[in-house]
């Protein structure tokens, strides 16, 4: 191996494990520390009593060739399934095709409602909303208020936890990308097969047969086999730096063997960047601590319910646009892979978008299972009394929140790290506070590994900024390309005073995980009578 101390990697999610693997490929010594007992971050597969749950749903599709090659280097082809992509929208007791099918929409809405939607669209074209600076105004101007309220408003507000008229419009412009009702109808009447040019419209994708965690469990095994270390259940509580040399020199970890300090030539961090700043010793200056404390996250929990196979559906997931229930999306794990479920049964994962301090997050597991069961029955997706078992998985910090100050906060942190501790390398979704998909998180790690081992000067912050991913592969007529920011900017909370530190900063708040630590806490297996 190369340097004596090598690189410490914080977090064993996709970014952290990719960085470790790529460093070992280049003969650099690596130690990985993961706070949780399992690897994979948000891309783990949770297993309970033989049932396997994918947290959020992970379609293995990418336009990044080296990421595709990496997947198939870690897992043999026989471990991948080629799965059909299918998602629909639940509204008023009906399932609407996504993307839009004219015949399906007309059948579900009925001629009268369809006519009212067209009338609403015509009014919006004749008299567009005056204020299109927010999501609600921008979308209703292009679809009409009636279709907007059916197919955009409720789900968006569930995901981001605030009224749609408080979300800025630029995200809608990126997400919906020049789409209007006229274009949607045109696409519905004249569909193009195998739409791989638009990420949300791919018709099939690869999927590890035992779920996404299979990829990262195997990757961790490979890291160990090649001489690297992967320590789970081990928290990074401090990152020590030498201000005179302007370098990180060691990390303090706390695990099964107690607390110890590990030297480091480089630190690759996929832990939330706010927690990285809080873990630095000596502490970062007040303005950097305040920027870190001001970053926010959206949290996520899944209630997985076991039901007879007759209540399965072909969709990978269904978007729930019914405002009468709190669930935002329902996965059918059996549609991802038959290896996730058991014969004669399937498991439906009801997904709730929450904040860690709200009532839903704090609700005991048994009550969550009962409430989710009631919602599933209310939606008419199962008969009353058929749910046999339930499990709850909580995932804190699943999504970085973009508010009006987030970019400034990230820039303050990024500039200070580059200047004062340039051998600390943030990677991945939470490591960079960027709404990356799995493949882009991996790419940041690949480029970082090259910078460390080969002395290259890749700008990892440019990943998923100028690359087409959610867009069509060609440039738009105006020459613009995708921003890579697949989340809205939300209103900021009151500013954090200068000098404020993160909760627990004095005691070492660093939690190593790629994309958030799943709060499993031996979740209750609740059998319903």
Protein backbone atom coordinates (compact mmCIF):
# COMPACT_ATOMS: atom_id res chain seq x y z
CA UNK A 1 0.00 0.00 0.00
CA UNK A 2 1.00 3.61 -0.50
CA UNK A 3 1.26 6.10 2.35
CA UNK A 4 1.80 4.84 5.88
CA UNK A 5 -1.41 6.23 7.31
CA UNK A 6 -3.42 6.39 4.12
CA UNK A 7 -6.97 7.72 3.93
CA UNK A 8 -9.78 7.64 6.47
CA UNK A 9 -13.23 7.40 4.87
CA UNK A 10 -16.17 8.53 6.99
CA UNK A 11 -19.35 6.67 6.06
CA UNK A 12 -19.96 3.38 4.25
CA UNK A 13 -22.69 4.47 1.85
CA UNK A 14 -22.29 4.55 -1.95
CA UNK A 15 -19.90 7.51 -1.89
CA UNK A 16 -17.73 6.28 0.97
CA UNK A 17 -17.39 2.70 -0.23
CA UNK A 18 -16.78 3.80 -3.83
CA UNK A 19 -13.98 6.08 -2.63
CA UNK A 20 -12.45 3.24 -0.59
CA UNK A 21 -12.62 0.77 -3.48
CA UNK A 22 -11.13 3.23 -5.97
CA UNK A 23 -8.29 4.15 -3.59
CA UNK A 24 -7.45 0.48 -3.08
CA UNK A 25 -7.44 0.03 -6.83
CA UNK A 26 -4.59 2.57 -6.82
CA UNK A 27 -2.71 0.91 -3.93
CA UNK A 28 -3.64 3.49 -1.30
CA UNK A 29 -4.31 2.36 2.28
CA UNK A 30 -7.92 2.88 3.43
CA UNK A 31 -9.92 2.68 6.66
CA UNK A 32 -13.71 3.15 6.55
CA UNK A 33 -15.72 4.04 9.65
CA UNK A 34 -19.51 3.67 9.60
CA UNK A 35 -21.70 4.70 12.52
CA UNK A 36 -24.42 2.18 11.76
CA UNK A 37 -24.18 -1.58 12.06
CA UNK A 38 -24.86 -2.04 8.34
CA UNK A 39 -23.39 -0.49 5.19
CA UNK A 40 -25.15 1.26 2.32
CA UNK A 41 -26.44 4.50 3.84
CA UNK A 42 -29.82 5.29 2.32
CA UNK A 43 -29.00 2.70 -0.36
CA UNK A 44 -29.03 -0.15 2.15
CA UNK A 45 -31.45 -3.04 2.14
CA UNK A 46 -33.10 -3.48 5.53
CA UNK A 47 -33.94 -7.09 6.42
CA UNK A 48 -36.49 -8.16 9.03
CA UNK A 49 -37.72 -11.74 9.46
CA UNK A 50 -36.74 -12.59 5.88
CA UNK A 51 -38.43 -9.52 4.36
CA UNK A 52 -36.20 -7.02 2.57
CA UNK A 53 -36.97 -3.31 2.23
CA UNK A 54 -35.45 -0.79 -0.17
CA UNK A 55 -35.40 2.62 1.52
CA UNK A 56 -36.82 5.05 -1.02
CA UNK A 57 -36.48 2.81 -4.08
CA UNK A 58 -33.24 2.66 -6.11
CA UNK A 59 -33.42 2.18 -9.84
CA UNK A 60 -29.98 1.27 -11.16
CA UNK A 61 -29.88 3.46 -14.23
CA UNK A 62 -27.11 5.88 -15.15
CA UNK A 63 -25.62 7.79 -18.03
CA UNK A 64 -22.19 7.70 -16.36
CA UNK A 65 -20.32 4.85 -18.07
CA UNK A 66 -17.74 4.35 -15.32
CA UNK A 67 -20.48 4.01 -12.71
CA UNK A 68 -22.16 1.33 -14.81
CA UNK A 69 -18.84 -0.48 -15.11
CA UNK A 70 -18.30 -0.23 -11.36
CA UNK A 71 -21.69 -1.84 -10.63
CA UNK A 72 -20.87 -4.79 -12.85
CA UNK A 73 -17.37 -5.11 -11.46
CA UNK A 74 -18.79 -5.47 -7.94
CA UNK A 75 -21.75 -7.72 -8.80
CA UNK A 76 -21.79 -10.37 -11.56
CA UNK A 77 -24.43 -10.04 -14.25
CA UNK A 78 -26.46 -12.92 -12.80
CA UNK A 79 -27.05 -10.89 -9.62
CA UNK A 80 -28.88 -8.18 -11.59
CA UNK A 81 -32.50 -8.34 -12.65
CA UNK A 82 -33.81 -6.29 -15.56
CA UNK A 83 -37.03 -4.82 -14.20
CA UNK A 84 -39.86 -3.00 -15.97
CA UNK A 85 -40.32 0.57 -14.85
CA UNK A 86 -43.87 1.35 -13.84
CA UNK A 87 -45.23 4.11 -11.63
CA UNK A 88 -48.73 5.51 -11.41
CA UNK A 89 -50.53 8.29 -9.60
CA UNK A 90 -53.36 7.55 -7.17
CA UNK A 91 -56.08 10.21 -7.21
CA UNK A 92 -59.75 9.94 -6.22
CA UNK A 93 -59.68 6.17 -6.09
CA UNK A 94 -58.19 5.79 -9.58
CA UNK A 95 -54.69 5.02 -10.83
CA UNK A 96 -53.38 7.33 -13.55
CA UNK A 97 -50.55 6.24 -15.84
CA UNK A 98 -47.24 8.05 -15.50
CA UNK A 99 -46.19 9.37 -17.95
CA UNK A 100 -49.58 10.54 -19.09
CA UNK A 101 -51.73 8.28 -21.26
CA UNK A 102 -54.56 10.19 -22.93
CA UNK A 103 -56.93 7.20 -22.98
CA UNK A 104 -56.21 6.30 -19.35
CA UNK A 105 -56.60 9.89 -18.13
CA UNK A 106 -59.86 10.36 -20.03
CA UNK A 107 -61.25 7.08 -18.70
CA UNK A 108 -60.35 7.92 -15.08
CA UNK A 109 -61.41 11.56 -15.15
CA UNK A 110 -64.51 11.09 -17.24
CA UNK A 111 -65.58 13.30 -20.12
CA UNK A 112 -66.99 16.04 -17.87
CA UNK A 113 -63.93 16.34 -15.64
CA UNK A 114 -61.60 16.19 -18.64
CA UNK A 115 -63.57 19.04 -20.24
CA UNK A 116 -63.31 21.06 -17.02
CA UNK A 117 -59.55 20.48 -16.98
CA UNK A 118 -59.24 21.69 -20.57
CA UNK A 119 -61.33 24.73 -19.72
CA UNK A 120 -59.10 25.46 -16.72
CA UNK A 121 -56.06 25.15 -18.98
CA UNK A 122 -57.59 27.51 -21.55
CA UNK A 123 -58.26 30.10 -18.82
CA UNK A 124 -54.67 29.82 -17.61
CA UNK A 125 -53.39 30.42 -21.13
CA UNK A 126 -55.66 33.43 -21.64
CA UNK A 127 -55.11 34.87 -18.15
CA UNK A 128 -51.95 33.37 -16.65
CA UNK A 129 -51.34 33.79 -12.93
CA UNK A 130 -49.68 37.14 -12.28
CA UNK A 131 -47.18 35.67 -9.85
CA UNK A 132 -45.22 32.79 -11.41
CA UNK A 133 -42.23 33.15 -9.12
CA UNK A 134 -43.40 30.19 -7.04
CA UNK A 135 -44.12 26.54 -7.88
CA UNK A 136 -47.90 26.92 -7.72
CA UNK A 137 -48.08 29.87 -10.10
CA UNK A 138 -45.55 28.44 -12.55
CA UNK A 139 -47.19 25.02 -12.87
CA UNK A 140 -50.80 26.22 -12.91
CA UNK A 141 -49.88 28.64 -15.74
CA UNK A 142 -48.80 25.66 -17.85
CA UNK A 143 -51.43 23.09 -16.87
CA UNK A 144 -54.32 25.07 -15.48
CA UNK A 145 -55.36 25.18 -11.84
CA UNK A 146 -57.49 22.05 -11.98
CA UNK A 147 -54.78 19.70 -13.27
CA UNK A 148 -52.21 21.39 -11.03
CA UNK A 149 -54.30 20.69 -7.94
CA UNK A 150 -54.75 17.05 -8.97
CA UNK A 151 -51.29 16.06 -10.09
CA UNK A 152 -48.77 18.50 -8.60
CA UNK A 153 -49.93 20.27 -5.47
CA UNK A 154 -50.64 17.56 -2.88
CA UNK A 155 -47.66 15.30 -3.49
CA UNK A 156 -45.20 18.20 -3.65
CA UNK A 157 -46.49 19.57 -0.35
CA UNK A 158 -46.19 16.14 1.28
CA UNK A 159 -42.59 15.73 0.17
CA UNK A 160 -41.36 19.17 1.22
CA UNK A 161 -43.65 19.84 4.16
CA UNK A 162 -44.88 23.30 3.16
CA UNK A 163 -47.41 25.02 0.88
CA UNK A 164 -46.48 24.92 -2.80
CA UNK A 165 -46.79 28.70 -3.09
CA UNK A 166 -43.73 28.96 -0.81
CA UNK A 167 -41.52 26.89 -3.13
CA UNK A 168 -39.56 28.80 -5.74
CA UNK A 169 -40.45 28.27 -9.39
CA UNK A 170 -36.97 27.58 -10.71
CA UNK A 171 -37.16 24.00 -9.47
CA UNK A 172 -40.41 23.46 -11.39
CA UNK A 173 -38.74 24.84 -14.52
CA UNK A 174 -35.91 22.33 -14.10
CA UNK A 175 -38.04 19.39 -12.99
CA UNK A 176 -40.80 19.71 -15.58
CA UNK A 177 -38.47 21.04 -18.28
CA UNK A 178 -40.51 23.01 -20.80
CA UNK A 179 -43.45 20.63 -20.43
CA UNK A 180 -46.98 21.95 -20.85
CA UNK A 181 -50.36 20.30 -21.15
CA UNK A 182 -50.15 20.50 -24.94
CA UNK A 183 -46.76 18.74 -24.95
CA UNK A 184 -47.95 16.15 -22.42
CA UNK A 185 -50.95 15.29 -24.61
CA UNK A 186 -48.70 15.13 -27.66
CA UNK A 187 -46.38 12.69 -25.85
CA UNK A 188 -49.37 10.65 -24.75
CA UNK A 189 -50.85 10.35 -28.23
CA UNK A 190 -47.51 9.75 -29.96
CA UNK A 191 -45.37 7.92 -27.39
CA UNK A 192 -41.78 7.02 -28.12
CA UNK A 193 -40.63 3.60 -27.05
CA UNK A 194 -37.80 2.97 -24.61
CA UNK A 195 -37.43 6.60 -23.52
CA UNK A 196 -33.91 6.39 -22.05
CA UNK A 197 -33.24 9.99 -23.04
CA UNK A 198 -35.35 11.20 -20.10
CA UNK A 199 -34.46 9.72 -16.72
CA UNK A 200 -37.99 9.74 -15.32
CA UNK A 201 -39.29 8.00 -18.44
CA UNK A 202 -36.96 5.00 -18.74
CA UNK A 203 -38.96 1.84 -19.32
CA UNK A 204 -36.63 -0.66 -17.68
CA UNK A 205 -33.75 -0.61 -15.25
CA UNK A 206 -31.27 -2.91 -13.55
CA UNK A 207 -31.76 -3.97 -9.96
CA UNK A 208 -29.70 -6.23 -7.64
CA UNK A 209 -31.88 -9.24 -6.89
CA UNK A 210 -31.55 -8.81 -3.11
CA UNK A 211 -31.96 -5.04 -3.21
CA UNK A 212 -29.46 -2.15 -3.41
CA UNK A 213 -27.79 -3.12 -0.16
CA UNK A 214 -26.50 -6.23 -1.94
CA UNK A 215 -24.23 -3.96 -3.99
CA UNK A 216 -22.75 -2.22 -0.96
CA UNK A 217 -22.45 -5.31 1.21
CA UNK A 218 -20.45 -6.93 -1.60
CA UNK A 219 -18.42 -3.76 -2.10
CA UNK A 220 -17.53 -3.71 1.62
CA UNK A 221 -16.42 -7.35 1.33
CA UNK A 222 -14.21 -6.43 -1.63
CA UNK A 223 -12.69 -3.50 0.25
CA UNK A 224 -11.75 -5.83 3.10
CA UNK A 225 -10.50 -8.52 0.72
CA UNK A 226 -8.17 -5.99 -0.93
CA UNK A 227 -6.67 -4.99 2.41
CA UNK A 228 -8.89 -2.09 3.48
CA UNK A 229 -10.76 -1.86 6.77
CA UNK A 230 -14.50 -1.33 7.15
CA UNK A 231 -15.52 -0.82 10.78
CA UNK A 232 -19.28 -0.63 11.38
CA UNK A 233 -20.84 0.56 14.63
CA UNK A 234 -17.99 3.06 14.82
CA UNK A 235 -18.65 6.79 15.14
CA UNK A 236 -16.21 9.47 14.06
CA UNK A 237 -16.46 11.92 16.95
CA UNK A 238 -13.68 14.32 16.00
CA UNK A 239 -11.55 15.29 13.01
CA UNK A 240 -8.27 16.75 14.27
CA UNK A 241 -6.46 19.38 12.25
CA UNK A 242 -3.13 21.13 12.46
CA UNK A 243 -3.87 24.82 11.80
CA UNK A 244 -0.21 25.65 11.11
CA UNK A 245 0.16 22.93 8.48
CA UNK A 246 -3.43 23.48 7.30
CA UNK A 247 -4.14 19.78 7.27
CA UNK A 248 -6.31 17.20 8.98
CA UNK A 249 -4.00 14.80 10.80
CA UNK A 250 -6.23 12.29 12.63
CA UNK A 251 -9.76 11.27 13.56
CA UNK A 252 -11.15 10.09 16.88
CA UNK A 253 -13.57 7.16 16.63
CA UNK A 254 -15.77 5.49 19.19
CA UNK A 255 -16.89 1.91 18.63
CA UNK A 256 -17.02 -1.53 20.19
CA UNK A 257 -13.37 -1.31 21.22
CA UNK A 258 -13.84 2.05 22.92
CA UNK A 259 -12.45 5.40 21.87
CA UNK A 260 -9.25 5.67 19.88
CA UNK A 261 -7.46 8.10 17.60
CA UNK A 262 -6.50 7.11 14.06
CA UNK A 263 -3.89 9.05 12.04
CA UNK A 264 -4.87 10.14 8.54
CA UNK A 265 -3.11 11.55 5.50
CA UNK A 266 -6.48 12.35 3.93
CA UNK A 267 -10.10 12.29 5.13
CA UNK A 268 -12.94 11.53 2.70
CA UNK A 269 -16.21 12.51 4.36
CA UNK A 270 -19.70 11.43 3.33
CA UNK A 271 -21.15 12.37 6.73
CA UNK A 272 -23.49 15.40 6.67
CA UNK A 273 -21.26 18.40 6.03
CA UNK A 274 -22.85 20.19 8.99
CA UNK A 275 -21.70 17.39 11.29
CA UNK A 276 -18.26 17.33 9.70
CA UNK A 277 -17.81 21.00 10.61
CA UNK A 278 -19.04 20.36 14.16
CA UNK A 279 -16.51 17.53 14.55
CA UNK A 280 -13.43 19.59 13.64
CA UNK A 281 -10.84 20.14 16.39
CA UNK A 282 -9.78 22.84 16.95
CA UNK A 283 -13.18 24.24 16.10
CA UNK A 284 -13.89 26.10 12.89
CA UNK A 285 -14.43 29.86 13.23
CA UNK A 286 -17.88 31.11 14.35
CA UNK A 287 -19.07 32.07 10.88
CA UNK A 288 -18.34 28.56 9.56
CA UNK A 289 -20.03 26.92 12.55
CA UNK A 290 -23.05 29.17 12.04
CA UNK A 291 -23.23 28.25 8.34
CA UNK A 292 -23.14 24.56 9.25
CA UNK A 293 -25.79 24.92 11.95
CA UNK A 294 -28.06 26.68 9.47
CA UNK A 295 -28.23 23.72 7.05
CA UNK A 296 -31.44 21.69 7.20
CA UNK A 297 -32.53 18.19 6.21
CA UNK A 298 -35.78 16.42 5.36
CA UNK A 299 -36.23 13.06 7.06
CA UNK A 300 -38.01 9.94 5.90
CA UNK A 301 -39.71 6.89 7.32
CA UNK A 302 -41.14 3.74 5.77
CA UNK A 303 -43.90 1.60 7.23
CA UNK A 304 -43.66 -1.82 5.55
CA UNK A 305 -46.87 -3.87 5.66
CA UNK A 306 -47.08 -7.58 4.79
CA UNK A 307 -50.19 -8.47 2.77
CA UNK A 308 -51.40 -11.46 0.71
CA UNK A 309 -50.07 -11.54 -2.86
CA UNK A 310 -53.51 -10.80 -4.30
CA UNK A 311 -53.03 -7.19 -3.13
CA UNK A 312 -49.83 -6.79 -5.11
CA UNK A 313 -49.65 -4.33 -8.00
CA UNK A 314 -47.21 -4.14 -10.94
CA UNK A 315 -45.88 -0.67 -10.08
CA UNK A 316 -42.53 -0.12 -8.43
CA UNK A 317 -44.36 2.58 -6.53
CA UNK A 318 -47.56 4.58 -6.56
CA UNK A 319 -47.59 8.33 -5.92
CA UNK A 320 -50.45 9.17 -3.56
CA UNK A 321 -52.01 12.53 -4.47
CA UNK A 322 -54.97 12.12 -2.13
CA UNK A 323 -54.85 14.91 0.50
CA UNK A 324 -56.99 12.82 2.88
CA UNK A 325 -54.00 10.60 3.79
CA UNK A 326 -50.49 11.46 4.93
CA UNK A 327 -48.64 8.75 3.00
CA UNK A 328 -46.78 10.20 0.00
CA UNK A 329 -45.77 7.11 -1.92
CA UNK A 330 -46.30 3.34 -1.70
CA UNK A 331 -43.68 0.88 -2.88
CA UNK A 332 -44.45 -2.71 -3.77
CA UNK A 333 -41.24 -4.49 -2.87
CA UNK A 334 -42.34 -7.58 -4.81
CA UNK A 335 -42.33 -5.51 -8.02
CA UNK A 336 -38.70 -4.59 -7.47
CA UNK A 337 -37.59 -8.17 -6.95
CA UNK A 338 -39.35 -11.41 -6.02
CA UNK A 339 -36.36 -12.11 -3.75
CA UNK A 340 -37.41 -9.26 -1.42
CA UNK A 341 -40.67 -10.97 -0.46
CA UNK A 342 -42.01 -14.42 0.36
CA UNK A 343 -44.17 -16.84 -1.60
CA UNK A 344 -47.86 -16.00 -1.42
CA UNK A 345 -47.20 -12.58 0.14
CA UNK A 346 -45.87 -9.18 -0.81
CA UNK A 347 -44.79 -6.22 1.24
CA UNK A 348 -46.03 -2.67 0.65
CA UNK A 349 -43.81 0.16 1.88
CA UNK A 350 -45.75 3.30 2.82
CA UNK A 351 -43.40 6.28 2.68
CA UNK A 352 -43.77 9.37 4.86
CA UNK A 353 -41.74 12.54 4.39
CA UNK A 354 -41.16 14.12 7.80
CA UNK A 355 -38.93 16.25 9.97
CA UNK A 356 -37.07 14.50 12.75
CA UNK A 357 -38.73 16.56 15.47
CA UNK A 358 -42.34 16.30 14.26
CA UNK A 359 -45.15 14.18 15.66
CA UNK A 360 -45.01 11.45 13.01
CA UNK A 361 -41.31 10.81 13.60
CA UNK A 362 -41.86 10.51 17.37
CA UNK A 363 -44.90 8.22 17.10
CA UNK A 364 -44.26 4.69 18.48
CA UNK A 365 -43.83 1.98 15.86
CA UNK A 366 -47.01 0.09 16.78
CA UNK A 367 -49.09 3.26 16.31
CA UNK A 368 -47.41 4.01 13.00
CA UNK A 369 -48.18 0.49 11.75
CA UNK A 370 -51.82 0.86 12.80
CA UNK A 371 -52.14 4.30 11.19
CA UNK A 372 -50.49 3.16 7.93
CA UNK A 373 -52.76 0.10 7.83
CA UNK A 374 -55.80 2.37 8.20
CA UNK A 375 -54.58 4.60 5.36
CA UNK A 376 -53.93 1.63 3.07
CA UNK A 377 -57.47 0.40 3.75
CA UNK A 378 -58.96 3.89 3.29
CA UNK A 379 -57.31 4.13 -0.12
CA UNK A 380 -58.98 0.84 -1.07
CA UNK A 381 -55.67 -0.84 -1.95
CA UNK A 382 -56.34 -3.70 0.52
CA UNK A 383 -59.38 -5.13 2.26
CA UNK A 384 -59.78 -4.39 5.96
CA UNK A 385 -58.04 -6.92 8.17
CA UNK A 386 -55.62 -8.44 5.64
CA UNK A 387 -52.41 -6.78 6.88
CA UNK A 388 -50.45 -9.50 8.67
CA UNK A 389 -47.35 -7.71 9.99
CA UNK A 390 -45.67 -4.33 9.98
CA UNK A 391 -42.18 -2.87 10.34
CA UNK A 392 -40.95 0.72 10.70
CA UNK A 393 -37.65 2.12 9.44
CA UNK A 394 -36.63 5.72 10.12
CA UNK A 395 -34.03 7.45 7.96
CA UNK A 396 -32.82 10.81 9.30
CA UNK A 397 -31.23 13.34 6.96
CA UNK A 398 -32.49 11.55 3.88
CA UNK A 399 -32.70 14.75 1.80
CA UNK A 400 -30.64 17.94 2.10
CA UNK A 401 -32.99 20.93 2.18
CA UNK A 402 -32.29 23.86 -0.13
CA UNK A 403 -33.44 27.11 1.42
CA UNK A 404 -32.56 30.67 0.44
CA UNK A 405 -29.34 30.57 2.46
CA UNK A 406 -28.16 27.03 1.75
CA UNK A 407 -25.89 27.96 -1.18
CA UNK A 408 -24.24 30.72 0.83
CA UNK A 409 -23.79 28.36 3.78
CA UNK A 410 -22.28 25.62 1.63
CA UNK A 411 -19.98 28.12 -0.09
CA UNK A 412 -18.74 29.43 3.27
CA UNK A 413 -17.99 25.88 4.46
CA UNK A 414 -16.52 24.73 1.16
CA UNK A 415 -14.20 27.73 0.83
CA UNK A 416 -12.97 27.45 4.41
CA UNK A 417 -12.32 23.71 4.12
CA UNK A 418 -10.42 24.17 0.85
CA UNK A 419 -8.28 26.86 2.43
CA UNK A 420 -7.68 25.49 5.93
CA UNK A 421 -7.98 21.68 5.58
CA UNK A 422 -7.60 20.85 1.88
CA UNK A 423 -6.98 17.18 2.65
CA UNK A 424 -10.57 16.84 3.91
CA UNK A 425 -12.72 15.87 0.94
CA UNK A 426 -16.56 16.05 1.15
CA UNK A 427 -18.32 13.57 -1.17
CA UNK A 428 -21.85 12.33 -1.81
CA UNK A 429 -25.32 13.63 -1.09
CA UNK A 430 -25.05 14.74 2.53
CA UNK A 431 -21.30 15.12 2.41
CA UNK A 432 -21.76 17.96 -0.09
CA UNK A 433 -25.33 18.95 0.88
CA UNK A 434 -26.38 18.30 -2.68
CA UNK A 435 -29.41 16.36 -3.92
CA UNK A 436 -27.30 13.80 -5.81
CA UNK A 437 -28.57 10.49 -7.04
CA UNK A 438 -26.57 7.37 -6.21
CA UNK A 439 -24.55 7.45 -9.44
CA UNK A 440 -23.55 11.09 -9.05
CA UNK A 441 -22.57 10.48 -5.42
CA UNK A 442 -20.37 7.65 -6.65
CA UNK A 443 -18.81 9.85 -9.31
CA UNK A 444 -17.80 12.47 -6.73
CA UNK A 445 -16.04 9.67 -4.84
CA UNK A 446 -14.30 8.34 -7.96
CA UNK A 447 -12.92 11.76 -8.85
CA UNK A 448 -11.85 12.39 -5.24
CA UNK A 449 -9.96 9.08 -5.18
CA UNK A 450 -8.10 10.13 -8.32
CA UNK A 451 -7.27 13.51 -6.78
CA UNK A 452 -5.81 11.79 -3.71
CA UNK A 453 -3.99 8.90 -5.35
CA UNK A 454 -2.97 10.42 -8.68
CA UNK A 455 -2.64 14.12 -7.91
CA UNK A 456 -5.34 15.13 -10.38
CA UNK A 457 -7.33 18.31 -9.79
CA UNK A 458 -10.90 17.29 -10.61
CA UNK A 459 -13.55 19.72 -9.40
CA UNK A 460 -15.95 17.31 -7.70
CA UNK A 461 -18.37 20.17 -7.02
CA UNK A 462 -19.09 20.34 -10.76
CA UNK A 463 -20.60 16.82 -10.76
CA UNK A 464 -24.34 16.92 -11.47
CA UNK A 465 -24.21 20.62 -12.27
CA UNK A 466 -23.61 20.81 -16.02
CA UNK A 467 -24.55 17.22 -16.84
CA UNK A 468 -27.78 16.18 -18.48
CA UNK A 469 -29.51 13.62 -16.34
CA UNK A 470 -33.10 14.59 -15.64
CA UNK A 471 -33.28 16.23 -19.06
CA UNK A 472 -33.25 15.01 -22.63
CA UNK A 473 -29.74 14.23 -23.82
CA UNK A 474 -29.60 17.04 -26.37
CA UNK A 475 -29.33 20.72 -25.52
CA UNK A 476 -32.44 22.81 -25.33
CA UNK A 477 -33.12 25.34 -28.02
CA UNK A 478 -31.95 28.12 -25.71
CA UNK A 479 -28.65 26.35 -25.09
CA UNK A 480 -29.23 25.85 -21.38
CA UNK A 481 -28.39 22.60 -19.64
CA UNK A 482 -29.56 21.01 -16.43
CA UNK A 483 -28.53 22.45 -13.09
CA UNK A 484 -28.46 19.03 -11.44
CA UNK A 485 -30.43 20.48 -8.51
CA UNK A 486 -33.41 18.17 -8.20
CA UNK A 487 -35.03 19.82 -5.18
CA UNK A 488 -36.80 23.15 -4.68
CA UNK A 489 -35.49 26.15 -2.80
CA UNK A 490 -37.68 26.58 0.29
CA UNK A 491 -38.11 29.57 2.60
CA UNK A 492 -35.37 29.93 5.16
CA UNK A 493 -35.98 29.78 8.89
CA UNK A 494 -34.68 32.65 11.08
CA UNK A 495 -30.95 33.07 10.65
CA UNK A 496 -28.64 31.26 13.05
CA UNK A 497 -26.66 33.84 15.09
CA UNK A 498 -22.92 33.98 14.51
CA UNK A 499 -21.19 31.90 17.16
CA UNK A 500 -23.94 29.28 17.32
CA UNK A 501 -22.68 25.72 17.32
CA UNK A 502 -24.45 22.51 16.44
CA UNK A 503 -26.14 20.52 19.17
CA UNK A 504 -23.56 18.24 20.69
CA UNK A 505 -20.66 19.94 18.92
CA UNK A 506 -18.66 20.06 22.10
CA UNK A 507 -18.95 16.32 22.51
CA UNK A 508 -18.23 15.28 18.94
CA UNK A 509 -21.27 15.18 16.70
CA UNK A 510 -19.68 13.41 13.77
CA UNK A 511 -21.78 10.52 12.49
CA UNK A 512 -20.28 8.59 9.63
CA UNK A 513 -22.85 7.48 7.10
CA UNK A 514 -23.44 7.89 3.41
CA UNK A 515 -26.80 9.57 2.99
CA UNK A 516 -28.14 9.29 6.53
CA UNK A 517 -28.16 6.70 9.26
CA UNK A 518 -31.20 4.45 9.28
CA UNK A 519 -32.67 4.48 12.74
CA UNK A 520 -33.57 0.83 12.96
CA UNK A 521 -33.49 0.56 16.75
CA UNK A 522 -34.71 -3.02 16.36
CA UNK A 523 -38.03 -1.69 14.98
CA UNK A 524 -41.10 -3.39 16.31
CA UNK A 525 -42.49 -6.34 14.40
CA UNK A 526 -46.15 -5.78 15.05
CA UNK A 527 -48.54 -8.62 14.39
CA UNK A 528 -52.06 -7.41 13.90
CA UNK A 529 -54.94 -9.45 15.17
